Amino acid sequence: MAAEIDARTARTLEFRAAHYVTAVAGQLMAQGVPVAAVYSCGPYSEPEHFFNDVEGGIDFTRRFGQRISADSDCGLYWAGTSGWCFLRNGGRADDFLANARWMGDGLLPEPHRVAAFLDAMRLTPTAAGSSERPYYRAEGCEFPALLDRLAAYVPDSAAQHAPKPRFAELRARAYQERVRAALTPSGHDPVLDLPLRASEFQAVLHLLEFAEVASSPYGPGVLAADLAEDLQARQVGGHETALHNRRALSHAADLQRRMAEERRRRREDPGGPML
C-alpha cells in the first residue's frame, strides 16, 4: 500500500478510536468514576518500533484504582482486535496484558455495557471477565469495516469534533453535575462537627481556587468559588454561620431549578432553541 494512504488510514483510525473511547469515558464519568485521561493510537512504523493496528484506553485516578487492586493503579484498555479489558498497570513492559481481564462482549460494545463490566470488576475483581483474550478480527486487516463501525461514535457537532476538547467538556460537565447534586440534597443536610487544622483548611481553599481557575465554562468553577467564600465566612461564629453563609447551596439550587425548567421546556417544544 502507498505510504500516503497508510498514514491517512492510521490518523483516521486513531481519531475515530479516540471518539469511541471518549464516549465510553463519558458514560463512566456520568456514573461517578474518576477518569484521569483517555488515549488512542493508530498503526505506525518507526526505525525500532512498529504497531500494526489500533488501540485506546482509559486511565483512572490512582486512589480509585487502589480500591480495586491495592498494589497497583489500573485502567481499561481497548484493543482493535479484541475489545475491552481491565488492566492492572505496573506489569512488565513487554507483556503488559499478562494479567488482563477481558470483557469478551464484542469488539465495540456500547458504552453502558463497558460501564457494567467495570462495575463487575469493582465488585468481584477475580471473577469478572476472563483471562482468555478473544479475537474478533485479524490484526492489521479489514480497516475499512472497522472505520465504518467507529464512525458511529464521532459526533456531528462541529464544536465537539476534536476528541480532546470533547473529553474535557464531558469531564467538566460530569463534575459540575456531581458538585451541584451534592449541594442540593433531597433529605436532611446536617451541619458537621469536623476537626480541621488551619493548614488543612487553607489547603482546601487553594484546591477550590484551582477548581475555579482550571475549570472550563461547563465545569464546577463558579460553585467552587461560592463554596470557598462560604467556608471562609464560617471560620468564626459556630454552627449558626452555616445558616447564613450558603452562596454555593443557593447557586446550586438555582441551577437545579433552571435545569428542570429547561427539561420541561424541551419536552413541550423539542425543536425549540437551547437556553
C-alpha atoms as a PDB file:
ATOM      1  CA  MET A   1       0.000   0.000   0.000  1.00  0.00           C
ATOM      2  CA  ALA A   2       1.093   3.549  -0.590  1.00  0.00           C
ATOM      3  CA  ALA A   3       2.664   5.304   2.362  1.00  0.00           C
ATOM      4  CA  GLU A   4       0.284   8.284   1.991  1.00  0.00           C
ATOM      5  CA  ILE A   5      -2.787   6.040   2.233  1.00  0.00           C
ATOM      6  CA  ASP A   6      -1.313   4.215   5.220  1.00  0.00           C
ATOM      7  CA  ALA A   7      -0.688   7.481   7.055  1.00  0.00           C
ATOM      8  CA  ARG A   8      -4.207   8.741   6.349  1.00  0.00           C
ATOM      9  CA  THR A   9      -5.761   5.478   7.477  1.00  0.00           C
ATOM     10  CA  ALA A  10      -3.683   5.477  10.660  1.00  0.00           C
ATOM     11  CA  ARG A  11      -4.725   9.018  11.519  1.00  0.00           C
ATOM     12  CA  THR A  12      -8.398   8.302  10.865  1.00  0.00           C
ATOM     13  CA  LEU A  13      -8.295   5.129  12.944  1.00  0.00           C
ATOM     14  CA  GLU A  14      -6.685   6.968  15.854  1.00  0.00           C
ATOM     15  CA  PHE A  15      -9.196   9.833  15.561  1.00  0.00           C
ATOM     16  CA  ARG A  16     -12.302   7.619  15.485  1.00  0.00           C
ATOM     17  CA  ALA A  17     -10.989   5.280  18.181  1.00  0.00           C
ATOM     18  CA  ALA A  18     -10.406   8.347  20.378  1.00  0.00           C
ATOM     19  CA  HIS A  19     -14.063   9.305  19.976  1.00  0.00           C
ATOM     20  CA  TYR A  20     -15.220   5.787  20.825  1.00  0.00           C
ATOM     21  CA  VAL A  21     -13.027   5.680  23.936  1.00  0.00           C
ATOM     22  CA  THR A  22     -14.251   9.163  24.873  1.00  0.00           C
ATOM     23  CA  ALA A  23     -17.872   8.040  24.574  1.00  0.00           C
ATOM     24  CA  VAL A  24     -17.141   5.191  26.998  1.00  0.00           C
ATOM     25  CA  ALA A  25     -15.314   7.565  29.349  1.00  0.00           C
ATOM     26  CA  GLY A  26     -18.297   9.905  29.251  1.00  0.00           C
ATOM     27  CA  GLN A  27     -20.582   7.093  30.399  1.00  0.00           C
ATOM     28  CA  LEU A  28     -18.194   6.194  33.217  1.00  0.00           C
ATOM     29  CA  MET A  29     -17.871   9.785  34.404  1.00  0.00           C
ATOM     30  CA  ALA A  30     -21.647  10.202  34.373  1.00  0.00           C
ATOM     31  CA  GLN A  31     -21.764   7.240  36.764  1.00  0.00           C
ATOM     32  CA  GLY A  32     -19.225   8.773  39.146  1.00  0.00           C
ATOM     33  CA  VAL A  33     -15.991   7.098  38.001  1.00  0.00           C
ATOM     34  CA  PRO A  34     -12.937   9.421  38.277  1.00  0.00           C
ATOM     35  CA  VAL A  35     -11.434   9.237  34.790  1.00  0.00           C
ATOM     36  CA  ALA A  36      -7.985  10.811  34.650  1.00  0.00           C
ATOM     37  CA  ALA A  37      -7.272  10.538  30.910  1.00  0.00           C
ATOM     38  CA  VAL A  38      -8.143   8.825  27.641  1.00  0.00           C
ATOM     39  CA  TYR A  39      -5.821   7.879  24.794  1.00  0.00           C
ATOM     40  CA  SER A  40      -5.727   6.181  21.394  1.00  0.00           C
ATOM     41  CA  CYS A  41      -3.105   5.112  18.903  1.00  0.00           C
ATOM     42  CA  GLY A  42      -3.295   4.056  15.258  1.00  0.00           C
ATOM     43  CA  PRO A  43      -0.838   1.953  13.240  1.00  0.00           C
ATOM     44  CA  TYR A  44       2.676   3.361  12.967  1.00  0.00           C
ATOM     45  CA  SER A  45       6.137   2.308  11.819  1.00  0.00           C
ATOM     46  CA  GLU A  46       9.401   3.665  13.199  1.00  0.00           C
ATOM     47  CA  PRO A  47      13.011   2.512  12.801  1.00  0.00           C
ATOM     48  CA  GLU A  48      12.916   0.461  16.015  1.00  0.00           C
ATOM     49  CA  HIS A  49       9.195   0.183  16.782  1.00  0.00           C
ATOM     50  CA  PHE A  50       6.023  -0.596  14.879  1.00  0.00           C
ATOM     51  CA  PHE A  51       2.354  -1.229  15.615  1.00  0.00           C
ATOM     52  CA  ASN A  52       0.022  -2.793  13.071  1.00  0.00           C
ATOM     53  CA  ASP A  53      -3.395  -1.989  14.482  1.00  0.00           C
ATOM     54  CA  VAL A  54      -5.362   0.475  16.629  1.00  0.00           C
ATOM     55  CA  GLU A  55      -5.820   0.702  20.382  1.00  0.00           C
ATOM     56  CA  GLY A  56      -7.121   3.021  23.075  1.00  0.00           C
ATOM     57  CA  GLY A  57      -7.711   3.202  26.771  1.00  0.00           C
ATOM     58  CA  ILE A  58      -8.976   4.971  29.853  1.00  0.00           C
ATOM     59  CA  ASP A  59      -6.874   5.800  32.918  1.00  0.00           C
ATOM     60  CA  PHE A  60      -8.361   6.299  36.368  1.00  0.00           C
ATOM     61  CA  THR A  61      -7.011   8.125  39.383  1.00  0.00           C
ATOM     62  CA  ARG A  62      -4.571   6.075  41.431  1.00  0.00           C
ATOM     63  CA  ARG A  63      -6.807   6.255  44.503  1.00  0.00           C
ATOM     64  CA  PHE A  64      -9.720   4.783  42.543  1.00  0.00           C
ATOM     65  CA  GLY A  65      -7.515   2.045  41.123  1.00  0.00           C
ATOM     66  CA  GLN A  66      -6.261   1.031  44.538  1.00  0.00           C
ATOM     67  CA  ARG A  67      -9.826   0.399  45.693  1.00  0.00           C
ATOM     68  CA  ILE A  68      -9.917  -2.420  43.132  1.00  0.00           C
ATOM     69  CA  SER A  69      -6.293  -3.516  43.195  1.00  0.00           C
ATOM     70  CA  ALA A  70      -4.434  -2.403  46.316  1.00  0.00           C
ATOM     71  CA  ASP A  71      -0.940  -2.950  44.905  1.00  0.00           C
ATOM     72  CA  SER A  72      -1.305  -1.039  41.624  1.00  0.00           C
ATOM     73  CA  ASP A  73      -3.241   1.524  39.668  1.00  0.00           C
ATOM     74  CA  CYS A  74      -5.448   0.345  36.830  1.00  0.00           C
ATOM     75  CA  GLY A  75      -7.384   1.261  33.716  1.00  0.00           C
ATOM     76  CA  LEU A  76      -9.473  -0.004  30.844  1.00  0.00           C
ATOM     77  CA  TYR A  77      -7.721  -0.945  27.608  1.00  0.00           C
ATOM     78  CA  TRP A  78      -9.334  -1.334  24.184  1.00  0.00           C
ATOM     79  CA  ALA A  79      -7.609  -3.422  21.515  1.00  0.00           C
ATOM     80  CA  GLY A  80      -8.778  -3.094  17.924  1.00  0.00           C
ATOM     81  CA  THR A  81      -8.682  -6.870  17.608  1.00  0.00           C
ATOM     82  CA  SER A  82     -10.088  -7.970  20.975  1.00  0.00           C
ATOM     83  CA  GLY A  83     -12.302  -5.301  22.552  1.00  0.00           C
ATOM     84  CA  TRP A  84     -12.045  -4.155  26.172  1.00  0.00           C
ATOM     85  CA  CYS A  85     -10.128  -5.476  29.130  1.00  0.00           C
ATOM     86  CA  PHE A  86      -9.436  -4.360  32.678  1.00  0.00           C
ATOM     87  CA  LEU A  87      -5.735  -3.742  33.032  1.00  0.00           C
ATOM     88  CA  ARG A  88      -3.597  -3.505  36.152  1.00  0.00           C
ATOM     89  CA  ASN A  89      -0.754  -1.146  35.358  1.00  0.00           C
ATOM     90  CA  GLY A  90       2.771  -1.697  36.529  1.00  0.00           C
ATOM     91  CA  GLY A  91       3.434  -5.067  34.916  1.00  0.00           C
ATOM     92  CA  ARG A  92       6.254  -5.987  32.547  1.00  0.00           C
ATOM     93  CA  ALA A  93       6.532  -3.580  29.608  1.00  0.00           C
ATOM     94  CA  ASP A  94       6.973  -6.449  27.132  1.00  0.00           C
ATOM     95  CA  ASP A  95       3.839  -8.247  28.349  1.00  0.00           C
ATOM     96  CA  PHE A  96       1.569  -5.597  29.846  1.00  0.00           C
ATOM     97  CA  LEU A  97      -1.562  -7.654  29.054  1.00  0.00           C
ATOM     98  CA  ALA A  98      -0.420 -10.711  31.002  1.00  0.00           C
ATOM     99  CA  ASN A  99      -2.863 -10.144  33.885  1.00  0.00           C
ATOM    100  CA  ALA A 100      -5.670  -8.531  31.908  1.00  0.00           C
ATOM    101  CA  ARG A 101      -9.303  -9.490  32.469  1.00  0.00           C
ATOM    102  CA  TRP A 102     -11.099  -9.406  29.123  1.00  0.00           C
ATOM    103  CA  MET A 103     -14.673  -8.255  28.835  1.00  0.00           C
ATOM    104  CA  GLY A 104     -15.444 -10.646  25.963  1.00  0.00           C
ATOM    105  CA  ASP A 105     -18.571  -8.843  24.728  1.00  0.00           C
ATOM    106  CA  GLY A 106     -17.682  -7.978  21.150  1.00  0.00           C
ATOM    107  CA  LEU A 107     -15.252  -5.569  19.551  1.00  0.00           C
ATOM    108  CA  LEU A 108     -17.228  -2.336  20.076  1.00  0.00           C
ATOM    109  CA  PRO A 109     -19.700  -2.843  22.922  1.00  0.00           C
ATOM    110  CA  GLU A 110     -21.909   0.128  23.769  1.00  0.00           C
ATOM    111  CA  PRO A 111     -20.564   2.438  26.500  1.00  0.00           C
ATOM    112  CA  HIS A 112     -23.131   1.366  29.096  1.00  0.00           C
ATOM    113  CA  ARG A 113     -22.025  -2.253  28.683  1.00  0.00           C
ATOM    114  CA  VAL A 114     -18.391  -1.307  29.289  1.00  0.00           C
ATOM    115  CA  ALA A 115     -19.501   0.587  32.396  1.00  0.00           C
ATOM    116  CA  ALA A 116     -21.342  -2.528  33.597  1.00  0.00           C
ATOM    117  CA  PHE A 117     -18.158  -4.557  33.072  1.00  0.00           C
ATOM    118  CA  LEU A 118     -16.205  -2.113  35.237  1.00  0.00           C
ATOM    119  CA  ASP A 119     -18.916  -2.339  37.910  1.00  0.00           C
ATOM    120  CA  ALA A 120     -18.470  -6.111  37.909  1.00  0.00           C
ATOM    121  CA  MET A 121     -14.701  -5.709  38.252  1.00  0.00           C
ATOM    122  CA  ARG A 122     -15.182  -3.428  41.246  1.00  0.00           C
ATOM    123  CA  LEU A 123     -17.443  -5.972  42.953  1.00  0.00           C
ATOM    124  CA  THR A 124     -15.546  -9.179  42.156  1.00  0.00           C
ATOM    125  CA  PRO A 125     -12.143  -8.431  40.580  1.00  0.00           C
ATOM    126  CA  THR A 126     -11.126 -12.074  40.370  1.00  0.00           C
ATOM    127  CA  ALA A 127     -14.384 -13.307  38.856  1.00  0.00           C
ATOM    128  CA  ALA A 128     -15.377 -10.625  36.348  1.00  0.00           C
ATOM    129  CA  GLY A 129     -14.289 -11.057  32.767  1.00  0.00           C
ATOM    130  CA  SER A 130     -11.889 -13.738  31.574  1.00  0.00           C
ATOM    131  CA  SER A 131      -8.138 -14.144  31.399  1.00  0.00           C
ATOM    132  CA  GLU A 132      -8.545 -15.607  27.897  1.00  0.00           C
ATOM    133  CA  ARG A 133      -8.158 -12.960  25.207  1.00  0.00           C
ATOM    134  CA  PRO A 134     -10.821 -13.062  22.463  1.00  0.00           C
ATOM    135  CA  TYR A 135     -10.152 -12.140  18.838  1.00  0.00           C
ATOM    136  CA  TYR A 136     -12.868 -10.568  16.692  1.00  0.00           C
ATOM    137  CA  ARG A 137     -10.722  -9.554  13.721  1.00  0.00           C
ATOM    138  CA  ALA A 138      -7.204 -10.187  12.448  1.00  0.00           C
ATOM    139  CA  GLU A 139      -4.501  -7.659  13.270  1.00  0.00           C
ATOM    140  CA  GLY A 140      -3.886  -5.114  10.522  1.00  0.00           C
ATOM    141  CA  CYS A 141      -6.807  -6.280   8.379  1.00  0.00           C
ATOM    142  CA  GLU A 142     -10.277  -5.059   7.398  1.00  0.00           C
ATOM    143  CA  PHE A 143      -9.682  -1.450   8.403  1.00  0.00           C
ATOM    144  CA  PRO A 144     -12.495  -0.029   6.188  1.00  0.00           C
ATOM    145  CA  ALA A 145     -15.104  -2.087   8.032  1.00  0.00           C
ATOM    146  CA  LEU A 146     -13.682  -1.072  11.407  1.00  0.00           C
ATOM    147  CA  LEU A 147     -13.624   2.585  10.385  1.00  0.00           C
ATOM    148  CA  ASP A 148     -17.299   2.369   9.413  1.00  0.00           C
ATOM    149  CA  ARG A 149     -18.218   0.944  12.807  1.00  0.00           C
ATOM    150  CA  LEU A 150     -16.170   3.521  14.703  1.00  0.00           C
ATOM    151  CA  ALA A 151     -17.747   6.366  12.721  1.00  0.00           C
ATOM    152  CA  ALA A 152     -20.968   5.959  14.709  1.00  0.00           C
ATOM    153  CA  TYR A 153     -19.174   7.413  17.763  1.00  0.00           C
ATOM    154  CA  VAL A 154     -17.913  10.588  16.053  1.00  0.00           C
ATOM    155  CA  PRO A 155     -20.327  13.439  16.915  1.00  0.00           C
ATOM    156  CA  ASP A 156     -21.881  15.515  14.160  1.00  0.00           C
ATOM    157  CA  SER A 157     -21.465  18.725  16.158  1.00  0.00           C
ATOM    158  CA  ALA A 158     -18.535  20.777  14.905  1.00  0.00           C
ATOM    159  CA  ALA A 159     -17.945  22.082  18.421  1.00  0.00           C
ATOM    160  CA  GLN A 160     -17.291  18.544  19.631  1.00  0.00           C
ATOM    161  CA  HIS A 161     -15.412  17.290  16.576  1.00  0.00           C
ATOM    162  CA  ALA A 162     -11.964  17.007  18.206  1.00  0.00           C
ATOM    163  CA  PRO A 163     -11.658  14.206  20.796  1.00  0.00           C
ATOM    164  CA  LYS A 164      -9.604  16.106  23.397  1.00  0.00           C
ATOM    165  CA  PRO A 165     -11.970  19.093  23.757  1.00  0.00           C
ATOM    166  CA  ARG A 166     -14.896  16.703  23.804  1.00  0.00           C
ATOM    167  CA  PHE A 167     -13.377  14.716  26.661  1.00  0.00           C
ATOM    168  CA  ALA A 168     -12.560  17.909  28.566  1.00  0.00           C
ATOM    169  CA  GLU A 169     -16.144  19.123  28.227  1.00  0.00           C
ATOM    170  CA  LEU A 170     -17.631  15.772  29.264  1.00  0.00           C
ATOM    171  CA  ARG A 171     -15.414  15.668  32.347  1.00  0.00           C
ATOM    172  CA  ALA A 172     -16.229  19.277  33.269  1.00  0.00           C
ATOM    173  CA  ARG A 173     -19.957  18.658  32.924  1.00  0.00           C
ATOM    174  CA  ALA A 174     -19.729  15.447  34.960  1.00  0.00           C
ATOM    175  CA  TYR A 175     -18.025  17.201  37.848  1.00  0.00           C
ATOM    176  CA  GLN A 176     -20.376  20.151  37.697  1.00  0.00           C
ATOM    177  CA  GLU A 177     -23.260  17.710  37.985  1.00  0.00           C
ATOM    178  CA  ARG A 178     -21.639  15.932  40.942  1.00  0.00           C
ATOM    179  CA  VAL A 179     -20.992  19.172  42.803  1.00  0.00           C
ATOM    180  CA  ARG A 180     -24.459  20.504  42.025  1.00  0.00           C
ATOM    181  CA  ALA A 181     -26.082  17.254  43.156  1.00  0.00           C
ATOM    182  CA  ALA A 182     -24.063  17.271  46.389  1.00  0.00           C
ATOM    183  CA  LEU A 183     -25.180  20.837  47.120  1.00  0.00           C
ATOM    184  CA  THR A 184     -28.864  20.072  46.524  1.00  0.00           C
ATOM    185  CA  PRO A 185     -29.555  17.136  48.879  1.00  0.00           C
ATOM    186  CA  SER A 186     -33.109  15.838  48.907  1.00  0.00           C
ATOM    187  CA  GLY A 187     -33.177  14.997  52.606  1.00  0.00           C
ATOM    188  CA  HIS A 188     -31.721  16.220  55.880  1.00  0.00           C
ATOM    189  CA  ASP A 189     -28.461  18.146  55.487  1.00  0.00           C
ATOM    190  CA  PRO A 190     -26.804  18.244  58.919  1.00  0.00           C
ATOM    191  CA  VAL A 191     -24.031  20.628  59.902  1.00  0.00           C
ATOM    192  CA  LEU A 192     -20.904  18.589  60.619  1.00  0.00           C
ATOM    193  CA  ASP A 193     -18.580  18.994  63.556  1.00  0.00           C
ATOM    194  CA  LEU A 194     -15.387  18.327  61.613  1.00  0.00           C
ATOM    195  CA  PRO A 195     -11.945  18.724  63.216  1.00  0.00           C
ATOM    196  CA  LEU A 196      -9.824  20.579  60.708  1.00  0.00           C
ATOM    197  CA  ARG A 197      -6.341  22.015  61.077  1.00  0.00           C
ATOM    198  CA  ALA A 198      -5.775  25.575  59.891  1.00  0.00           C
ATOM    199  CA  SER A 199      -3.229  24.259  57.385  1.00  0.00           C
ATOM    200  CA  GLU A 200      -5.735  21.746  56.011  1.00  0.00           C
ATOM    201  CA  PHE A 201      -8.402  24.414  55.732  1.00  0.00           C
ATOM    202  CA  GLN A 202      -6.045  26.645  53.772  1.00  0.00           C
ATOM    203  CA  ALA A 203      -5.165  23.732  51.500  1.00  0.00           C
ATOM    204  CA  VAL A 204      -8.868  23.156  50.806  1.00  0.00           C
ATOM    205  CA  LEU A 205      -9.249  26.826  49.843  1.00  0.00           C
ATOM    206  CA  HIS A 206      -6.292  26.530  47.462  1.00  0.00           C
ATOM    207  CA  LEU A 207      -7.822  23.430  45.877  1.00  0.00           C
ATOM    208  CA  LEU A 208     -11.158  25.186  45.445  1.00  0.00           C
ATOM    209  CA  GLU A 209      -9.392  28.134  43.833  1.00  0.00           C
ATOM    210  CA  PHE A 210      -7.627  25.741  41.485  1.00  0.00           C
ATOM    211  CA  ALA A 211     -11.014  24.257  40.555  1.00  0.00           C
ATOM    212  CA  GLU A 212     -12.234  27.777  39.853  1.00  0.00           C
ATOM    213  CA  VAL A 213      -9.350  28.853  37.611  1.00  0.00           C
ATOM    214  CA  ALA A 214      -8.854  25.498  35.852  1.00  0.00           C
ATOM    215  CA  SER A 215     -12.494  24.697  35.201  1.00  0.00           C
ATOM    216  CA  SER A 216     -13.991  25.112  31.741  1.00  0.00           C
ATOM    217  CA  PRO A 217     -17.238  27.081  31.218  1.00  0.00           C
ATOM    218  CA  TYR A 218     -19.074  23.758  31.617  1.00  0.00           C
ATOM    219  CA  GLY A 219     -17.372  22.834  34.878  1.00  0.00           C
ATOM    220  CA  PRO A 220     -17.940  23.482  38.584  1.00  0.00           C
ATOM    221  CA  GLY A 221     -15.674  26.528  38.833  1.00  0.00           C
ATOM    222  CA  VAL A 222     -18.363  29.019  39.875  1.00  0.00           C
ATOM    223  CA  LEU A 223     -19.688  26.647  42.513  1.00  0.00           C
ATOM    224  CA  ALA A 224     -16.140  26.136  43.778  1.00  0.00           C
ATOM    225  CA  ALA A 225     -15.715  29.899  44.142  1.00  0.00           C
ATOM    226  CA  ASP A 226     -19.009  30.206  46.035  1.00  0.00           C
ATOM    227  CA  LEU A 227     -18.100  27.314  48.307  1.00  0.00           C
ATOM    228  CA  ALA A 228     -14.710  28.859  49.099  1.00  0.00           C
ATOM    229  CA  GLU A 229     -16.402  32.126  50.096  1.00  0.00           C
ATOM    230  CA  ASP A 230     -18.871  30.252  52.298  1.00  0.00           C
ATOM    231  CA  LEU A 231     -16.143  28.323  54.082  1.00  0.00           C
ATOM    232  CA  GLN A 232     -14.021  31.417  54.637  1.00  0.00           C
ATOM    233  CA  ALA A 233     -17.023  33.231  56.120  1.00  0.00           C
ATOM    234  CA  ARG A 234     -17.647  30.350  58.532  1.00  0.00           C
ATOM    235  CA  GLN A 235     -14.210  30.378  60.142  1.00  0.00           C
ATOM    236  CA  VAL A 236     -15.634  32.029  63.248  1.00  0.00           C
ATOM    237  CA  GLY A 237     -19.095  32.102  64.760  1.00  0.00           C
ATOM    238  CA  GLY A 238     -20.059  28.466  65.301  1.00  0.00           C
ATOM    239  CA  HIS A 239     -22.607  26.244  63.594  1.00  0.00           C
ATOM    240  CA  GLU A 240     -25.112  29.035  63.036  1.00  0.00           C
ATOM    241  CA  THR A 241     -22.809  30.541  60.385  1.00  0.00           C
ATOM    242  CA  ALA A 242     -23.818  27.651  58.109  1.00  0.00           C
ATOM    243  CA  LEU A 243     -27.354  29.067  58.087  1.00  0.00           C
ATOM    244  CA  HIS A 244     -26.253  32.432  56.711  1.00  0.00           C
ATOM    245  CA  ASN A 245     -23.215  31.706  54.512  1.00  0.00           C
ATOM    246  CA  ARG A 246     -24.677  29.444  51.835  1.00  0.00           C
ATOM    247  CA  ARG A 247     -23.922  31.023  48.465  1.00  0.00           C
ATOM    248  CA  ALA A 248     -22.926  27.663  46.957  1.00  0.00           C
ATOM    249  CA  LEU A 249     -26.090  25.952  48.193  1.00  0.00           C
ATOM    250  CA  SER A 250     -28.272  28.741  46.814  1.00  0.00           C
ATOM    251  CA  HIS A 251     -26.440  28.808  43.474  1.00  0.00           C
ATOM    252  CA  ALA A 252     -26.731  25.035  43.095  1.00  0.00           C
ATOM    253  CA  ALA A 253     -30.450  25.179  43.891  1.00  0.00           C
ATOM    254  CA  ASP A 254     -30.887  27.864  41.220  1.00  0.00           C
ATOM    255  CA  LEU A 255     -29.018  25.706  38.688  1.00  0.00           C
ATOM    256  CA  GLN A 256     -31.243  22.773  39.628  1.00  0.00           C
ATOM    257  CA  ARG A 257     -34.364  24.868  39.076  1.00  0.00           C
ATOM    258  CA  ARG A 258     -33.182  26.203  35.699  1.00  0.00           C
ATOM    259  CA  MET A 259     -32.208  22.716  34.517  1.00  0.00           C
ATOM    260  CA  ALA A 260     -35.624  21.361  35.482  1.00  0.00           C
ATOM    261  CA  GLU A 261     -37.315  24.212  33.600  1.00  0.00           C
ATOM    262  CA  GLU A 262     -35.149  23.543  30.551  1.00  0.00           C
ATOM    263  CA  ARG A 263     -36.003  19.822  30.600  1.00  0.00           C
ATOM    264  CA  ARG A 264     -39.710  20.669  30.869  1.00  0.00           C
ATOM    265  CA  ARG A 265     -39.474  23.181  28.024  1.00  0.00           C
ATOM    266  CA  ARG A 266     -37.637  20.692  25.811  1.00  0.00           C
ATOM    267  CA  ARG A 267     -40.347  18.089  26.412  1.00  0.00           C
ATOM    268  CA  GLU A 268     -43.021  20.585  25.410  1.00  0.00           C
ATOM    269  CA  ASP A 269     -41.091  22.021  22.448  1.00  0.00           C
ATOM    270  CA  PRO A 270     -38.432  19.515  21.281  1.00  0.00           C
ATOM    271  CA  GLY A 271     -37.490  21.669  18.286  1.00  0.00           C
ATOM    272  CA  GLY A 272     -37.081  24.890  20.227  1.00  0.00           C
ATOM    273  CA  PRO A 273     -33.760  26.679  20.823  1.00  0.00           C
ATOM    274  CA  MET A 274     -31.489  25.718  23.703  1.00  0.00           C
ATOM    275  CA  LEU A 275     -31.370  28.234  26.541  1.00  0.00           C
END
